[in-house]
Amino acid sequence: MKVPPTLVKRVGLPLALALARTWRFTMLGPGMAAARDPRRSKVAFVCWHECLLAPLWLHRGEGVAIIVSEAQDGQYLADFTEAIGFALLRGSSTRGGAKALLGATKALEAGGSLAITPDGPRGPRREMKPGVLSAAARAGAVVIPVHAEANRAWRLNSWDCFMVPKPFARVRMVYGTPFKVERGAAGEAEGMERVKAGMNEVVNLAQWPARAATATG
Protein backbone atom coordinates (compact mmCIF):
# COMPACT_ATOMS: atom_id res chain seq x y z
CA MET A 1 0.00 0.00 0.00
CA LYS A 2 1.32 3.41 -0.98
CA VAL A 3 1.64 5.92 1.83
CA PRO A 4 0.46 9.41 0.82
CA PRO A 5 3.40 11.84 0.51
CA THR A 6 1.50 14.39 2.63
CA LEU A 7 1.35 11.93 5.54
CA VAL A 8 5.03 11.05 5.16
CA LYS A 9 5.92 14.74 5.18
CA ARG A 10 3.82 15.46 8.26
CA VAL A 11 4.90 12.46 10.35
CA GLY A 12 7.89 10.75 8.74
CA LEU A 13 9.96 13.84 7.96
CA PRO A 14 10.31 15.04 11.60
CA LEU A 15 11.23 11.49 12.64
CA ALA A 16 13.85 11.21 9.86
CA LEU A 17 15.42 14.52 10.86
CA ALA A 18 15.54 13.51 14.53
CA LEU A 19 17.16 10.19 13.61
CA ALA A 20 19.78 11.79 11.35
CA ARG A 21 20.90 14.16 14.12
CA THR A 22 22.15 11.16 16.11
CA TRP A 23 24.52 9.82 13.42
CA ARG A 24 28.30 10.17 13.84
CA PHE A 25 30.44 10.45 10.72
CA THR A 26 33.99 9.46 9.84
CA MET A 27 35.21 10.88 6.52
CA LEU A 28 38.07 9.45 4.49
CA GLY A 29 39.34 8.81 0.99
CA PRO A 30 41.47 10.63 -1.61
CA GLY A 31 38.65 12.98 -2.60
CA MET A 32 37.71 14.08 0.92
CA ALA A 33 39.47 17.44 0.82
CA ALA A 34 37.92 18.40 -2.52
CA ALA A 35 34.47 17.25 -1.43
CA ARG A 36 34.53 19.16 1.86
CA ASP A 37 36.12 22.35 0.49
CA PRO A 38 33.55 25.16 1.01
CA ARG A 39 34.99 26.90 -2.08
CA ARG A 40 34.41 23.91 -4.35
CA SER A 41 32.94 24.63 -7.77
CA LYS A 42 31.43 22.39 -10.45
CA VAL A 43 31.49 19.13 -8.50
CA ALA A 44 29.32 16.12 -9.36
CA PHE A 45 29.00 13.62 -6.50
CA VAL A 46 28.14 10.10 -7.69
CA CYS A 47 26.73 7.56 -5.24
CA TRP A 48 24.53 4.48 -5.36
CA HIS A 49 20.87 5.10 -4.56
CA GLU A 50 20.97 2.74 -1.56
CA CYS A 51 23.33 4.89 0.51
CA LEU A 52 21.91 8.29 -0.43
CA LEU A 53 20.46 9.21 2.96
CA ALA A 54 23.77 9.60 4.83
CA PRO A 55 25.54 11.82 2.24
CA LEU A 56 22.43 13.96 1.94
CA TRP A 57 22.48 14.62 5.67
CA LEU A 58 26.22 15.28 5.82
CA HIS A 59 26.06 17.77 2.92
CA ARG A 60 22.85 19.46 4.07
CA GLY A 61 22.63 23.21 3.67
CA GLU A 62 25.45 23.37 1.13
CA GLY A 63 23.22 24.22 -1.84
CA VAL A 64 23.87 20.95 -3.64
CA ALA A 65 21.36 20.13 -6.39
CA ILE A 66 19.87 16.65 -6.72
CA ILE A 67 17.80 14.98 -9.42
CA VAL A 68 14.60 13.54 -7.94
CA SER A 69 12.16 11.32 -9.78
CA GLU A 70 8.82 12.81 -10.85
CA ALA A 71 7.08 9.61 -9.74
CA GLN A 72 5.17 9.54 -6.44
CA ASP A 73 8.00 7.69 -4.68
CA GLY A 74 10.30 10.58 -5.56
CA GLN A 75 8.15 12.96 -3.53
CA TYR A 76 9.29 11.33 -0.28
CA LEU A 77 12.92 12.06 -1.16
CA ALA A 78 12.04 15.51 -2.48
CA ASP A 79 10.46 16.52 0.84
CA PHE A 80 13.49 15.33 2.83
CA THR A 81 16.11 16.90 0.58
CA GLU A 82 14.27 20.21 0.31
CA ALA A 83 13.89 20.36 4.10
CA ILE A 84 17.66 20.09 4.61
CA GLY A 85 18.70 22.63 2.00
CA PHE A 86 19.06 20.88 -1.36
CA ALA A 87 18.02 22.33 -4.71
CA LEU A 88 15.63 19.97 -6.52
CA LEU A 89 15.80 19.03 -10.19
CA ARG A 90 12.76 16.94 -11.09
CA GLY A 91 13.15 14.13 -13.62
CA SER A 92 14.94 10.81 -14.12
CA SER A 93 16.13 8.39 -16.77
CA THR A 94 12.52 7.21 -17.19
CA ARG A 95 10.54 10.45 -16.79
CA GLY A 96 11.58 13.99 -17.56
CA GLY A 97 15.13 12.95 -18.45
CA ALA A 98 15.87 15.76 -20.91
CA LYS A 99 14.60 18.41 -18.48
CA ALA A 100 16.68 16.95 -15.65
CA LEU A 101 19.83 16.82 -17.80
CA LEU A 102 19.41 20.45 -18.84
CA GLY A 103 18.86 21.55 -15.24
CA ALA A 104 21.86 19.53 -14.02
CA THR A 105 24.13 21.01 -16.70
CA LYS A 106 23.03 24.55 -15.88
CA ALA A 107 23.55 23.98 -12.16
CA LEU A 108 27.11 22.77 -12.72
CA GLU A 109 27.94 25.48 -15.27
CA ALA A 110 26.87 28.07 -12.69
CA GLY A 111 29.54 26.70 -10.34
CA GLY A 112 27.25 24.58 -8.19
CA SER A 113 27.47 20.98 -7.00
CA LEU A 114 25.26 18.09 -8.07
CA ALA A 115 24.39 14.71 -6.56
CA ILE A 116 23.88 11.86 -9.05
CA THR A 117 22.55 8.35 -8.35
CA PRO A 118 23.55 6.39 -11.47
CA ASP A 119 21.33 3.40 -10.67
CA GLY A 120 18.26 5.44 -9.70
CA PRO A 121 15.40 5.82 -9.50
CA ARG A 122 14.41 2.16 -9.91
CA GLY A 123 17.52 0.14 -10.64
CA PRO A 124 18.84 -2.36 -11.31
CA ARG A 125 20.87 -2.02 -8.11
CA ARG A 126 24.46 -0.78 -8.58
CA GLU A 127 24.15 -0.73 -12.36
CA MET A 128 25.34 2.39 -14.19
CA LYS A 129 22.87 3.92 -16.61
CA PRO A 130 24.10 5.41 -19.91
CA GLY A 131 24.44 9.16 -19.93
CA VAL A 132 24.86 9.65 -16.18
CA LEU A 133 28.02 11.69 -16.75
CA SER A 134 26.66 13.82 -19.61
CA ALA A 135 26.02 16.88 -17.45
CA ALA A 136 29.50 16.67 -15.89
CA ALA A 137 31.11 16.41 -19.33
CA ARG A 138 29.15 19.35 -20.77
CA ALA A 139 29.90 21.57 -17.77
CA GLY A 140 33.55 20.55 -17.34
CA ALA A 141 32.76 19.44 -13.80
CA VAL A 142 34.84 17.32 -11.44
CA VAL A 143 33.34 13.91 -10.62
CA ILE A 144 33.79 12.44 -7.12
CA PRO A 145 32.58 8.88 -6.37
CA VAL A 146 30.99 8.60 -2.91
CA HIS A 147 29.83 5.73 -0.72
CA ALA A 148 28.58 5.40 2.85
CA GLU A 149 28.22 2.42 5.19
CA ALA A 150 26.89 2.36 8.74
CA ASN A 151 28.00 0.00 11.46
CA ARG A 152 24.34 -0.42 12.42
CA ALA A 153 21.55 0.01 9.88
CA TRP A 154 18.18 -1.09 8.63
CA ARG A 155 17.90 -2.25 5.02
CA LEU A 156 14.54 -1.66 3.39
CA ASN A 157 12.83 -4.32 1.31
CA SER A 158 13.27 -2.27 -1.86
CA TRP A 159 14.98 -2.77 -5.20
CA ASP A 160 18.15 -1.08 -3.87
CA CYS A 161 18.13 -2.44 -0.28
CA PHE A 162 18.00 1.20 0.85
CA MET A 163 20.14 1.82 3.93
CA VAL A 164 18.81 3.72 6.95
CA PRO A 165 21.44 4.06 9.70
CA LYS A 166 20.08 3.21 13.14
CA PRO A 167 20.06 5.70 16.04
CA PHE A 168 23.59 6.75 17.05
CA ALA A 169 25.11 4.68 14.23
CA ARG A 170 28.64 5.39 13.08
CA VAL A 171 28.80 6.13 9.38
CA ARG A 172 31.90 5.84 7.18
CA MET A 173 31.77 8.38 4.33
CA VAL A 174 34.34 7.67 1.62
CA TYR A 175 35.21 10.03 -1.24
CA GLY A 176 37.03 8.58 -4.25
CA THR A 177 39.66 10.09 -6.51
CA PRO A 178 38.28 13.17 -8.34
CA PHE A 179 38.42 13.21 -12.15
CA LYS A 180 37.00 15.06 -15.14
CA VAL A 181 35.04 13.67 -18.08
CA GLU A 182 35.96 14.75 -21.60
CA ARG A 183 33.14 15.71 -23.94
CA GLY A 184 32.10 13.35 -26.73
CA ALA A 185 31.30 9.66 -26.92
CA ALA A 186 34.88 8.51 -26.34
CA GLY A 187 35.34 10.83 -23.35
CA GLU A 188 32.11 9.72 -21.72
CA ALA A 189 32.95 6.05 -22.32
CA GLU A 190 36.29 6.55 -20.59
CA GLY A 191 34.52 8.45 -17.82
CA MET A 192 32.12 5.54 -17.30
CA GLU A 193 35.04 3.16 -16.80
CA ARG A 194 36.66 5.55 -14.35
CA VAL A 195 33.49 6.06 -12.33
CA LYS A 196 32.86 2.29 -12.21
CA ALA A 197 36.37 1.76 -10.87
CA GLY A 198 35.92 4.67 -8.47
CA MET A 199 32.65 3.30 -7.13
CA ASN A 200 34.25 -0.10 -6.53
CA GLU A 201 37.07 1.68 -4.67
CA VAL A 202 34.82 3.65 -2.32
CA VAL A 203 32.49 0.69 -1.67
CA ASN A 204 35.46 -1.40 -0.56
CA LEU A 205 36.95 1.37 1.59
CA ALA A 206 33.63 2.05 3.31
CA GLN A 207 33.16 -1.46 4.67
CA TRP A 208 33.22 -1.77 8.44
CA PRO A 209 35.49 -4.40 10.07
CA ALA A 210 33.52 -7.50 11.04
CA ARG A 211 33.74 -6.70 14.77
CA ALA A 212 32.56 -3.13 14.31
CA ALA A 213 29.48 -3.91 12.25
CA THR A 214 26.26 -5.58 13.28
CA ALA A 215 23.75 -7.46 11.19
CA THR A 216 21.19 -5.21 9.56
CA GLY A 217 17.59 -5.57 10.56
C-alpha atoms as a PDB file:
ATOM      1  CA  MET A   1       0.000   0.000   0.000  1.00  0.00           C
ATOM      2  CA  LYS A   2       1.323   3.414  -0.984  1.00  0.00           C
ATOM      3  CA  VAL A   3       1.640   5.918   1.834  1.00  0.00           C
ATOM      4  CA  PRO A   4       0.463   9.409   0.819  1.00  0.00           C
ATOM      5  CA  PRO A   5       3.404  11.836   0.510  1.00  0.00           C
ATOM      6  CA  THR A   6       1.501  14.387   2.630  1.00  0.00           C
ATOM      7  CA  LEU A   7       1.346  11.929   5.539  1.00  0.00           C
ATOM      8  CA  VAL A   8       5.027  11.050   5.156  1.00  0.00           C
ATOM      9  CA  LYS A   9       5.917  14.741   5.175  1.00  0.00           C
ATOM     10  CA  ARG A  10       3.819  15.456   8.258  1.00  0.00           C
ATOM     11  CA  VAL A  11       4.901  12.461  10.354  1.00  0.00           C
ATOM     12  CA  GLY A  12       7.892  10.750   8.739  1.00  0.00           C
ATOM     13  CA  LEU A  13       9.960  13.842   7.962  1.00  0.00           C
ATOM     14  CA  PRO A  14      10.313  15.036  11.596  1.00  0.00           C
ATOM     15  CA  LEU A  15      11.226  11.485  12.636  1.00  0.00           C
ATOM     16  CA  ALA A  16      13.848  11.209   9.858  1.00  0.00           C
ATOM     17  CA  LEU A  17      15.417  14.525  10.862  1.00  0.00           C
ATOM     18  CA  ALA A  18      15.541  13.515  14.530  1.00  0.00           C
ATOM     19  CA  LEU A  19      17.161  10.191  13.614  1.00  0.00           C
ATOM     20  CA  ALA A  20      19.777  11.788  11.353  1.00  0.00           C
ATOM     21  CA  ARG A  21      20.899  14.161  14.115  1.00  0.00           C
ATOM     22  CA  THR A  22      22.153  11.157  16.113  1.00  0.00           C
ATOM     23  CA  TRP A  23      24.523   9.815  13.419  1.00  0.00           C
ATOM     24  CA  ARG A  24      28.298  10.169  13.842  1.00  0.00           C
ATOM     25  CA  PHE A  25      30.442  10.447  10.725  1.00  0.00           C
ATOM     26  CA  THR A  26      33.989   9.460   9.836  1.00  0.00           C
ATOM     27  CA  MET A  27      35.214  10.884   6.517  1.00  0.00           C
ATOM     28  CA  LEU A  28      38.075   9.453   4.493  1.00  0.00           C
ATOM     29  CA  GLY A  29      39.338   8.805   0.995  1.00  0.00           C
ATOM     30  CA  PRO A  30      41.473  10.628  -1.609  1.00  0.00           C
ATOM     31  CA  GLY A  31      38.653  12.975  -2.598  1.00  0.00           C
ATOM     32  CA  MET A  32      37.710  14.075   0.918  1.00  0.00           C
ATOM     33  CA  ALA A  33      39.472  17.440   0.818  1.00  0.00           C
ATOM     34  CA  ALA A  34      37.924  18.403  -2.525  1.00  0.00           C
ATOM     35  CA  ALA A  35      34.470  17.247  -1.425  1.00  0.00           C
ATOM     36  CA  ARG A  36      34.534  19.160   1.865  1.00  0.00           C
ATOM     37  CA  ASP A  37      36.116  22.350   0.488  1.00  0.00           C
ATOM     38  CA  PRO A  38      33.551  25.159   1.010  1.00  0.00           C
ATOM     39  CA  ARG A  39      34.986  26.895  -2.080  1.00  0.00           C
ATOM     40  CA  ARG A  40      34.407  23.909  -4.347  1.00  0.00           C
ATOM     41  CA  SER A  41      32.938  24.628  -7.773  1.00  0.00           C
ATOM     42  CA  LYS A  42      31.427  22.389 -10.446  1.00  0.00           C
ATOM     43  CA  VAL A  43      31.492  19.127  -8.501  1.00  0.00           C
ATOM     44  CA  ALA A  44      29.319  16.119  -9.357  1.00  0.00           C
ATOM     45  CA  PHE A  45      29.001  13.625  -6.496  1.00  0.00           C
ATOM     46  CA  VAL A  46      28.143  10.103  -7.692  1.00  0.00           C
ATOM     47  CA  CYS A  47      26.729   7.564  -5.242  1.00  0.00           C
ATOM     48  CA  TRP A  48      24.526   4.484  -5.355  1.00  0.00           C
ATOM     49  CA  HIS A  49      20.872   5.100  -4.562  1.00  0.00           C
ATOM     50  CA  GLU A  50      20.968   2.735  -1.563  1.00  0.00           C
ATOM     51  CA  CYS A  51      23.328   4.894   0.515  1.00  0.00           C
ATOM     52  CA  LEU A  52      21.907   8.289  -0.428  1.00  0.00           C
ATOM     53  CA  LEU A  53      20.457   9.210   2.960  1.00  0.00           C
ATOM     54  CA  ALA A  54      23.768   9.604   4.831  1.00  0.00           C
ATOM     55  CA  PRO A  55      25.544  11.815   2.237  1.00  0.00           C
ATOM     56  CA  LEU A  56      22.430  13.963   1.939  1.00  0.00           C
ATOM     57  CA  TRP A  57      22.483  14.622   5.672  1.00  0.00           C
ATOM     58  CA  LEU A  58      26.220  15.279   5.823  1.00  0.00           C
ATOM     59  CA  HIS A  59      26.059  17.774   2.924  1.00  0.00           C
ATOM     60  CA  ARG A  60      22.850  19.462   4.067  1.00  0.00           C
ATOM     61  CA  GLY A  61      22.629  23.210   3.670  1.00  0.00           C
ATOM     62  CA  GLU A  62      25.448  23.365   1.126  1.00  0.00           C
ATOM     63  CA  GLY A  63      23.218  24.218  -1.839  1.00  0.00           C
ATOM     64  CA  VAL A  64      23.870  20.948  -3.639  1.00  0.00           C
ATOM     65  CA  ALA A  65      21.361  20.127  -6.391  1.00  0.00           C
ATOM     66  CA  ILE A  66      19.871  16.649  -6.720  1.00  0.00           C
ATOM     67  CA  ILE A  67      17.797  14.982  -9.425  1.00  0.00           C
ATOM     68  CA  VAL A  68      14.602  13.544  -7.942  1.00  0.00           C
ATOM     69  CA  SER A  69      12.156  11.316  -9.783  1.00  0.00           C
ATOM     70  CA  GLU A  70       8.825  12.813 -10.853  1.00  0.00           C
ATOM     71  CA  ALA A  71       7.076   9.607  -9.741  1.00  0.00           C
ATOM     72  CA  GLN A  72       5.174   9.539  -6.438  1.00  0.00           C
ATOM     73  CA  ASP A  73       8.001   7.691  -4.680  1.00  0.00           C
ATOM     74  CA  GLY A  74      10.297  10.578  -5.556  1.00  0.00           C
ATOM     75  CA  GLN A  75       8.153  12.957  -3.527  1.00  0.00           C
ATOM     76  CA  TYR A  76       9.295  11.330  -0.280  1.00  0.00           C
ATOM     77  CA  LEU A  77      12.920  12.059  -1.160  1.00  0.00           C
ATOM     78  CA  ALA A  78      12.036  15.508  -2.476  1.00  0.00           C
ATOM     79  CA  ASP A  79      10.461  16.519   0.837  1.00  0.00           C
ATOM     80  CA  PHE A  80      13.486  15.332   2.833  1.00  0.00           C
ATOM     81  CA  THR A  81      16.112  16.903   0.576  1.00  0.00           C
ATOM     82  CA  GLU A  82      14.271  20.209   0.314  1.00  0.00           C
ATOM     83  CA  ALA A  83      13.885  20.360   4.104  1.00  0.00           C
ATOM     84  CA  ILE A  84      17.657  20.092   4.610  1.00  0.00           C
ATOM     85  CA  GLY A  85      18.704  22.627   1.997  1.00  0.00           C
ATOM     86  CA  PHE A  86      19.063  20.879  -1.358  1.00  0.00           C
ATOM     87  CA  ALA A  87      18.020  22.330  -4.707  1.00  0.00           C
ATOM     88  CA  LEU A  88      15.634  19.969  -6.519  1.00  0.00           C
ATOM     89  CA  LEU A  89      15.802  19.034 -10.192  1.00  0.00           C
ATOM     90  CA  ARG A  90      12.760  16.937 -11.094  1.00  0.00           C
ATOM     91  CA  GLY A  91      13.154  14.127 -13.618  1.00  0.00           C
ATOM     92  CA  SER A  92      14.937  10.807 -14.118  1.00  0.00           C
ATOM     93  CA  SER A  93      16.131   8.392 -16.768  1.00  0.00           C
ATOM     94  CA  THR A  94      12.524   7.208 -17.193  1.00  0.00           C
ATOM     95  CA  ARG A  95      10.537  10.446 -16.786  1.00  0.00           C
ATOM     96  CA  GLY A  96      11.585  13.990 -17.564  1.00  0.00           C
ATOM     97  CA  GLY A  97      15.129  12.953 -18.448  1.00  0.00           C
ATOM     98  CA  ALA A  98      15.872  15.763 -20.909  1.00  0.00           C
ATOM     99  CA  LYS A  99      14.604  18.409 -18.482  1.00  0.00           C
ATOM    100  CA  ALA A 100      16.675  16.949 -15.648  1.00  0.00           C
ATOM    101  CA  LEU A 101      19.829  16.822 -17.804  1.00  0.00           C
ATOM    102  CA  LEU A 102      19.407  20.451 -18.836  1.00  0.00           C
ATOM    103  CA  GLY A 103      18.862  21.545 -15.241  1.00  0.00           C
ATOM    104  CA  ALA A 104      21.857  19.531 -14.024  1.00  0.00           C
ATOM    105  CA  THR A 105      24.128  21.006 -16.698  1.00  0.00           C
ATOM    106  CA  LYS A 106      23.033  24.551 -15.881  1.00  0.00           C
ATOM    107  CA  ALA A 107      23.548  23.984 -12.158  1.00  0.00           C
ATOM    108  CA  LEU A 108      27.111  22.774 -12.716  1.00  0.00           C
ATOM    109  CA  GLU A 109      27.938  25.480 -15.271  1.00  0.00           C
ATOM    110  CA  ALA A 110      26.872  28.071 -12.692  1.00  0.00           C
ATOM    111  CA  GLY A 111      29.538  26.705 -10.339  1.00  0.00           C
ATOM    112  CA  GLY A 112      27.252  24.585  -8.188  1.00  0.00           C
ATOM    113  CA  SER A 113      27.472  20.984  -7.001  1.00  0.00           C
ATOM    114  CA  LEU A 114      25.258  18.094  -8.068  1.00  0.00           C
ATOM    115  CA  ALA A 115      24.391  14.706  -6.558  1.00  0.00           C
ATOM    116  CA  ILE A 116      23.883  11.861  -9.052  1.00  0.00           C
ATOM    117  CA  THR A 117      22.545   8.351  -8.353  1.00  0.00           C
ATOM    118  CA  PRO A 118      23.555   6.392 -11.470  1.00  0.00           C
ATOM    119  CA  ASP A 119      21.327   3.399 -10.675  1.00  0.00           C
ATOM    120  CA  GLY A 120      18.264   5.442  -9.697  1.00  0.00           C
ATOM    121  CA  PRO A 121      15.398   5.825  -9.498  1.00  0.00           C
ATOM    122  CA  ARG A 122      14.414   2.157  -9.908  1.00  0.00           C
ATOM    123  CA  GLY A 123      17.523   0.141 -10.638  1.00  0.00           C
ATOM    124  CA  PRO A 124      18.842  -2.360 -11.305  1.00  0.00           C
ATOM    125  CA  ARG A 125      20.870  -2.015  -8.114  1.00  0.00           C
ATOM    126  CA  ARG A 126      24.458  -0.781  -8.582  1.00  0.00           C
ATOM    127  CA  GLU A 127      24.153  -0.726 -12.357  1.00  0.00           C
ATOM    128  CA  MET A 128      25.342   2.385 -14.194  1.00  0.00           C
ATOM    129  CA  LYS A 129      22.865   3.917 -16.614  1.00  0.00           C
ATOM    130  CA  PRO A 130      24.105   5.409 -19.907  1.00  0.00           C
ATOM    131  CA  GLY A 131      24.438   9.165 -19.931  1.00  0.00           C
ATOM    132  CA  VAL A 132      24.856   9.646 -16.176  1.00  0.00           C
ATOM    133  CA  LEU A 133      28.016  11.690 -16.749  1.00  0.00           C
ATOM    134  CA  SER A 134      26.659  13.818 -19.610  1.00  0.00           C
ATOM    135  CA  ALA A 135      26.023  16.878 -17.452  1.00  0.00           C
ATOM    136  CA  ALA A 136      29.505  16.675 -15.894  1.00  0.00           C
ATOM    137  CA  ALA A 137      31.105  16.412 -19.333  1.00  0.00           C
ATOM    138  CA  ARG A 138      29.146  19.346 -20.766  1.00  0.00           C
ATOM    139  CA  ALA A 139      29.895  21.569 -17.775  1.00  0.00           C
ATOM    140  CA  GLY A 140      33.548  20.555 -17.343  1.00  0.00           C
ATOM    141  CA  ALA A 141      32.765  19.442 -13.800  1.00  0.00           C
ATOM    142  CA  VAL A 142      34.843  17.320 -11.438  1.00  0.00           C
ATOM    143  CA  VAL A 143      33.341  13.907 -10.624  1.00  0.00           C
ATOM    144  CA  ILE A 144      33.791  12.444  -7.123  1.00  0.00           C
ATOM    145  CA  PRO A 145      32.583   8.882  -6.372  1.00  0.00           C
ATOM    146  CA  VAL A 146      30.995   8.599  -2.908  1.00  0.00           C
ATOM    147  CA  HIS A 147      29.834   5.731  -0.721  1.00  0.00           C
ATOM    148  CA  ALA A 148      28.584   5.400   2.855  1.00  0.00           C
ATOM    149  CA  GLU A 149      28.223   2.422   5.190  1.00  0.00           C
ATOM    150  CA  ALA A 150      26.886   2.359   8.738  1.00  0.00           C
ATOM    151  CA  ASN A 151      28.003   0.000  11.464  1.00  0.00           C
ATOM    152  CA  ARG A 152      24.337  -0.425  12.424  1.00  0.00           C
ATOM    153  CA  ALA A 153      21.549   0.008   9.880  1.00  0.00           C
ATOM    154  CA  TRP A 154      18.177  -1.087   8.634  1.00  0.00           C
ATOM    155  CA  ARG A 155      17.904  -2.251   5.021  1.00  0.00           C
ATOM    156  CA  LEU A 156      14.541  -1.655   3.391  1.00  0.00           C
ATOM    157  CA  ASN A 157      12.829  -4.323   1.312  1.00  0.00           C
ATOM    158  CA  SER A 158      13.265  -2.271  -1.858  1.00  0.00           C
ATOM    159  CA  TRP A 159      14.981  -2.771  -5.202  1.00  0.00           C
ATOM    160  CA  ASP A 160      18.151  -1.083  -3.872  1.00  0.00           C
ATOM    161  CA  CYS A 161      18.125  -2.436  -0.279  1.00  0.00           C
ATOM    162  CA  PHE A 162      18.000   1.203   0.849  1.00  0.00           C
ATOM    163  CA  MET A 163      20.144   1.823   3.928  1.00  0.00           C
ATOM    164  CA  VAL A 164      18.815   3.721   6.953  1.00  0.00           C
ATOM    165  CA  PRO A 165      21.444   4.056   9.701  1.00  0.00           C
ATOM    166  CA  LYS A 166      20.078   3.211  13.144  1.00  0.00           C
ATOM    167  CA  PRO A 167      20.063   5.702  16.039  1.00  0.00           C
ATOM    168  CA  PHE A 168      23.593   6.747  17.052  1.00  0.00           C
ATOM    169  CA  ALA A 169      25.106   4.677  14.230  1.00  0.00           C
ATOM    170  CA  ARG A 170      28.636   5.391  13.085  1.00  0.00           C
ATOM    171  CA  VAL A 171      28.799   6.133   9.377  1.00  0.00           C
ATOM    172  CA  ARG A 172      31.896   5.842   7.179  1.00  0.00           C
ATOM    173  CA  MET A 173      31.772   8.376   4.327  1.00  0.00           C
ATOM    174  CA  VAL A 174      34.335   7.668   1.616  1.00  0.00           C
ATOM    175  CA  TYR A 175      35.209  10.034  -1.237  1.00  0.00           C
ATOM    176  CA  GLY A 176      37.031   8.578  -4.247  1.00  0.00           C
ATOM    177  CA  THR A 177      39.661  10.085  -6.512  1.00  0.00           C
ATOM    178  CA  PRO A 178      38.276  13.170  -8.343  1.00  0.00           C
ATOM    179  CA  PHE A 179      38.417  13.212 -12.145  1.00  0.00           C
ATOM    180  CA  LYS A 180      37.003  15.060 -15.140  1.00  0.00           C
ATOM    181  CA  VAL A 181      35.039  13.674 -18.080  1.00  0.00           C
ATOM    182  CA  GLU A 182      35.961  14.745 -21.603  1.00  0.00           C
ATOM    183  CA  ARG A 183      33.135  15.713 -23.939  1.00  0.00           C
ATOM    184  CA  GLY A 184      32.103  13.346 -26.730  1.00  0.00           C
ATOM    185  CA  ALA A 185      31.301   9.660 -26.917  1.00  0.00           C
ATOM    186  CA  ALA A 186      34.885   8.512 -26.339  1.00  0.00           C
ATOM    187  CA  GLY A 187      35.340  10.827 -23.353  1.00  0.00           C
ATOM    188  CA  GLU A 188      32.108   9.723 -21.718  1.00  0.00           C
ATOM    189  CA  ALA A 189      32.947   6.052 -22.325  1.00  0.00           C
ATOM    190  CA  GLU A 190      36.291   6.547 -20.589  1.00  0.00           C
ATOM    191  CA  GLY A 191      34.522   8.448 -17.821  1.00  0.00           C
ATOM    192  CA  MET A 192      32.121   5.542 -17.305  1.00  0.00           C
ATOM    193  CA  GLU A 193      35.037   3.160 -16.805  1.00  0.00           C
ATOM    194  CA  ARG A 194      36.661   5.550 -14.353  1.00  0.00           C
ATOM    195  CA  VAL A 195      33.492   6.057 -12.333  1.00  0.00           C
ATOM    196  CA  LYS A 196      32.859   2.294 -12.209  1.00  0.00           C
ATOM    197  CA  ALA A 197      36.371   1.759 -10.866  1.00  0.00           C
ATOM    198  CA  GLY A 198      35.919   4.666  -8.468  1.00  0.00           C
ATOM    199  CA  MET A 199      32.654   3.296  -7.129  1.00  0.00           C
ATOM    200  CA  ASN A 200      34.251  -0.101  -6.525  1.00  0.00           C
ATOM    201  CA  GLU A 201      37.071   1.678  -4.672  1.00  0.00           C
ATOM    202  CA  VAL A 202      34.815   3.649  -2.323  1.00  0.00           C
ATOM    203  CA  VAL A 203      32.488   0.687  -1.667  1.00  0.00           C
ATOM    204  CA  ASN A 204      35.461  -1.404  -0.559  1.00  0.00           C
ATOM    205  CA  LEU A 205      36.949   1.369   1.593  1.00  0.00           C
ATOM    206  CA  ALA A 206      33.633   2.054   3.313  1.00  0.00           C
ATOM    207  CA  GLN A 207      33.158  -1.465   4.672  1.00  0.00           C
ATOM    208  CA  TRP A 208      33.225  -1.773   8.441  1.00  0.00           C
ATOM    209  CA  PRO A 209      35.485  -4.399  10.066  1.00  0.00           C
ATOM    210  CA  ALA A 210      33.524  -7.496  11.042  1.00  0.00           C
ATOM    211  CA  ARG A 211      33.742  -6.696  14.774  1.00  0.00           C
ATOM    212  CA  ALA A 212      32.562  -3.126  14.306  1.00  0.00           C
ATOM    213  CA  ALA A 213      29.475  -3.907  12.247  1.00  0.00           C
ATOM    214  CA  THR A 214      26.257  -5.581  13.277  1.00  0.00           C
ATOM    215  CA  ALA A 215      23.746  -7.462  11.191  1.00  0.00           C
ATOM    216  CA  THR A 216      21.188  -5.208   9.560  1.00  0.00           C
ATOM    217  CA  GLY A 217      17.594  -5.567  10.560  1.00  0.00           C
END
